Amino acid sequence: MADYTNLAEERSLDWLWTNAAVTRPTAWYVGLFTTTPTADDGTGGTECSNAGYARQSVTLVRTGQTMNPSAVVTFGPATENWTEVVGFGFWDAITAGNMLAFETLVTPRTLSNGDSAEYATADLSITLD
């Protein structure tokens, strides 16, 4: 189950329990971590910065309590050997922006120069339980 950042939790509480105006993201992006965040505010993590890496735009679909990308998500091709990727996160912008949720990958992966990494929709799921 993914960890929601404090920001995502606060916006959810404001939307559900107050009259506060909450700005909803209009786009979502998934990115990879070489070190998964260690705190609920999303700090302590290191986003991948290897050559050929960029966050990927996703459309999310809901099934029950789980959100998944609507299609396979592909990163790369790597233009150098990548540091092992161990986690993923969802943001509201392609660069910078606000991280909304993060999770450790079930299977960490290292890409070699020229490789791409494909993740099935279930590999990048976030669940609210």
Protein backbone atom coordinates (compact mmCIF):
# COMPACT_ATOMS: atom_id res chain seq x y z
CA MET A 1 0.00 0.00 0.00
CA ALA A 2 1.42 3.38 -1.01
CA ASP A 3 2.15 6.13 1.48
CA TYR A 4 0.24 9.32 0.87
CA THR A 5 2.25 12.46 1.51
CA ASN A 6 1.09 14.82 4.22
CA LEU A 7 0.05 17.26 1.50
CA ALA A 8 -2.27 14.70 -0.14
CA GLU A 9 -3.76 13.75 3.23
CA GLU A 10 -4.34 17.39 4.19
CA ARG A 11 -6.03 18.16 0.87
CA SER A 12 -8.24 15.07 1.26
CA LEU A 13 -9.28 16.12 4.75
CA ASP A 14 -9.97 19.70 3.64
CA TRP A 15 -12.08 18.52 0.70
CA LEU A 16 -14.09 16.02 2.73
CA TRP A 17 -14.50 17.77 6.08
CA THR A 18 -14.24 21.54 5.58
CA ASN A 19 -15.43 24.26 3.25
CA ALA A 20 -11.84 25.07 2.27
CA ALA A 21 -11.16 25.52 -1.42
CA VAL A 22 -8.97 22.64 -2.54
CA THR A 23 -7.16 22.81 -5.88
CA ARG A 24 -7.34 19.44 -7.57
CA PRO A 25 -4.45 18.36 -9.81
CA THR A 26 -5.26 18.34 -13.51
CA ALA A 27 -2.44 15.98 -14.53
CA TRP A 28 -0.51 13.16 -12.88
CA TYR A 29 3.01 11.89 -13.41
CA VAL A 30 4.82 8.82 -12.15
CA GLY A 31 8.52 8.90 -11.36
CA LEU A 32 11.14 6.51 -10.00
CA PHE A 33 13.31 6.63 -6.90
CA THR A 34 16.83 5.38 -6.30
CA THR A 35 16.09 5.86 -2.58
CA THR A 36 12.46 5.67 -1.48
CA PRO A 37 11.25 8.49 0.82
CA THR A 38 11.33 7.71 4.52
CA ALA A 39 8.89 10.32 5.85
CA ASP A 40 5.21 11.06 5.28
CA ASP A 41 6.10 14.47 3.88
CA GLY A 42 7.96 12.67 1.07
CA THR A 43 11.43 13.64 2.21
CA GLY A 44 14.37 11.28 2.53
CA GLY A 45 14.01 9.97 -1.02
CA THR A 46 16.10 10.48 -4.12
CA GLU A 47 14.36 10.69 -7.47
CA CYS A 48 16.15 9.04 -10.36
CA SER A 49 18.33 11.50 -12.27
CA ASN A 50 20.10 9.21 -14.71
CA ALA A 51 20.45 10.14 -18.39
CA GLY A 52 17.34 9.17 -20.34
CA TYR A 53 15.06 9.41 -17.27
CA ALA A 54 11.93 11.57 -17.09
CA ARG A 55 8.67 11.34 -15.18
CA GLN A 56 5.90 9.86 -17.29
CA SER A 57 2.42 11.28 -17.73
CA VAL A 58 -0.30 8.85 -16.65
CA THR A 59 -4.05 8.61 -16.63
CA LEU A 60 -5.18 6.95 -13.42
CA VAL A 61 -8.15 4.61 -13.16
CA ARG A 62 -9.86 3.46 -9.99
CA THR A 63 -10.79 -0.12 -9.17
CA GLY A 64 -12.23 -0.40 -5.69
CA GLN A 65 -9.80 1.26 -3.27
CA THR A 66 -6.90 1.18 -5.73
CA MET A 67 -5.67 3.64 -8.37
CA ASN A 68 -3.52 2.36 -11.23
CA PRO A 69 -2.16 3.85 -14.43
CA SER A 70 -4.49 3.01 -17.30
CA ALA A 71 -1.66 1.57 -19.41
CA VAL A 72 1.84 0.15 -19.14
CA VAL A 73 4.34 2.86 -18.13
CA THR A 74 7.72 2.91 -19.90
CA PHE A 75 10.87 4.70 -18.74
CA GLY A 76 13.93 5.14 -20.91
CA PRO A 77 15.65 4.16 -22.99
CA ALA A 78 18.57 4.71 -20.64
CA THR A 79 21.44 6.58 -22.24
CA GLU A 80 23.85 5.42 -19.53
CA ASN A 81 23.83 2.65 -16.93
CA TRP A 82 21.30 3.62 -14.28
CA THR A 83 21.53 3.43 -10.52
CA GLU A 84 19.10 0.78 -9.19
CA VAL A 85 15.52 2.08 -8.98
CA VAL A 86 13.74 0.92 -5.83
CA GLY A 87 10.52 2.93 -5.60
CA PHE A 88 8.00 5.11 -7.40
CA GLY A 89 5.93 8.18 -6.69
CA PHE A 90 3.08 10.21 -8.15
CA TRP A 91 3.37 13.97 -8.71
CA ASP A 92 1.15 16.72 -10.05
CA ALA A 93 3.85 18.07 -12.41
CA ILE A 94 6.40 16.69 -14.85
CA THR A 95 9.20 18.49 -12.97
CA ALA A 96 9.17 19.88 -9.42
CA GLY A 97 5.49 20.05 -8.37
CA ASN A 98 3.98 18.21 -5.41
CA MET A 99 4.53 14.55 -4.64
CA LEU A 100 1.19 12.98 -3.68
CA ALA A 101 2.06 9.33 -2.92
CA PHE A 102 5.03 6.99 -2.99
CA GLU A 103 5.82 3.29 -2.60
CA THR A 104 8.67 0.79 -2.79
CA LEU A 105 8.80 -1.33 -5.94
CA VAL A 106 8.21 -5.05 -5.43
CA THR A 107 11.14 -5.76 -7.76
CA PRO A 108 13.97 -3.18 -7.87
CA ARG A 109 15.61 -2.79 -11.25
CA THR A 110 18.85 -1.51 -12.76
CA LEU A 111 18.86 -0.42 -16.39
CA SER A 112 21.85 -0.77 -18.66
CA ASN A 113 22.60 1.73 -21.39
CA GLY A 114 19.97 1.30 -24.12
CA ASP A 115 17.45 -0.54 -21.91
CA SER A 116 13.92 0.61 -21.11
CA ALA A 117 11.87 -0.30 -18.06
CA GLU A 118 8.21 -1.19 -18.51
CA TYR A 119 5.88 -1.38 -15.53
CA ALA A 120 2.50 -3.07 -15.68
CA THR A 121 -0.37 -1.08 -14.26
CA ALA A 122 -0.51 -3.23 -11.11
CA ASP A 123 3.20 -2.55 -10.46
CA LEU A 124 2.47 1.13 -9.87
CA SER A 125 -0.69 1.01 -7.79
CA ILE A 126 -1.74 3.17 -4.86
CA THR A 127 -4.36 1.98 -2.41
CA LEU A 128 -6.43 3.77 0.20
CA ASP A 129 -7.41 1.41 2.96
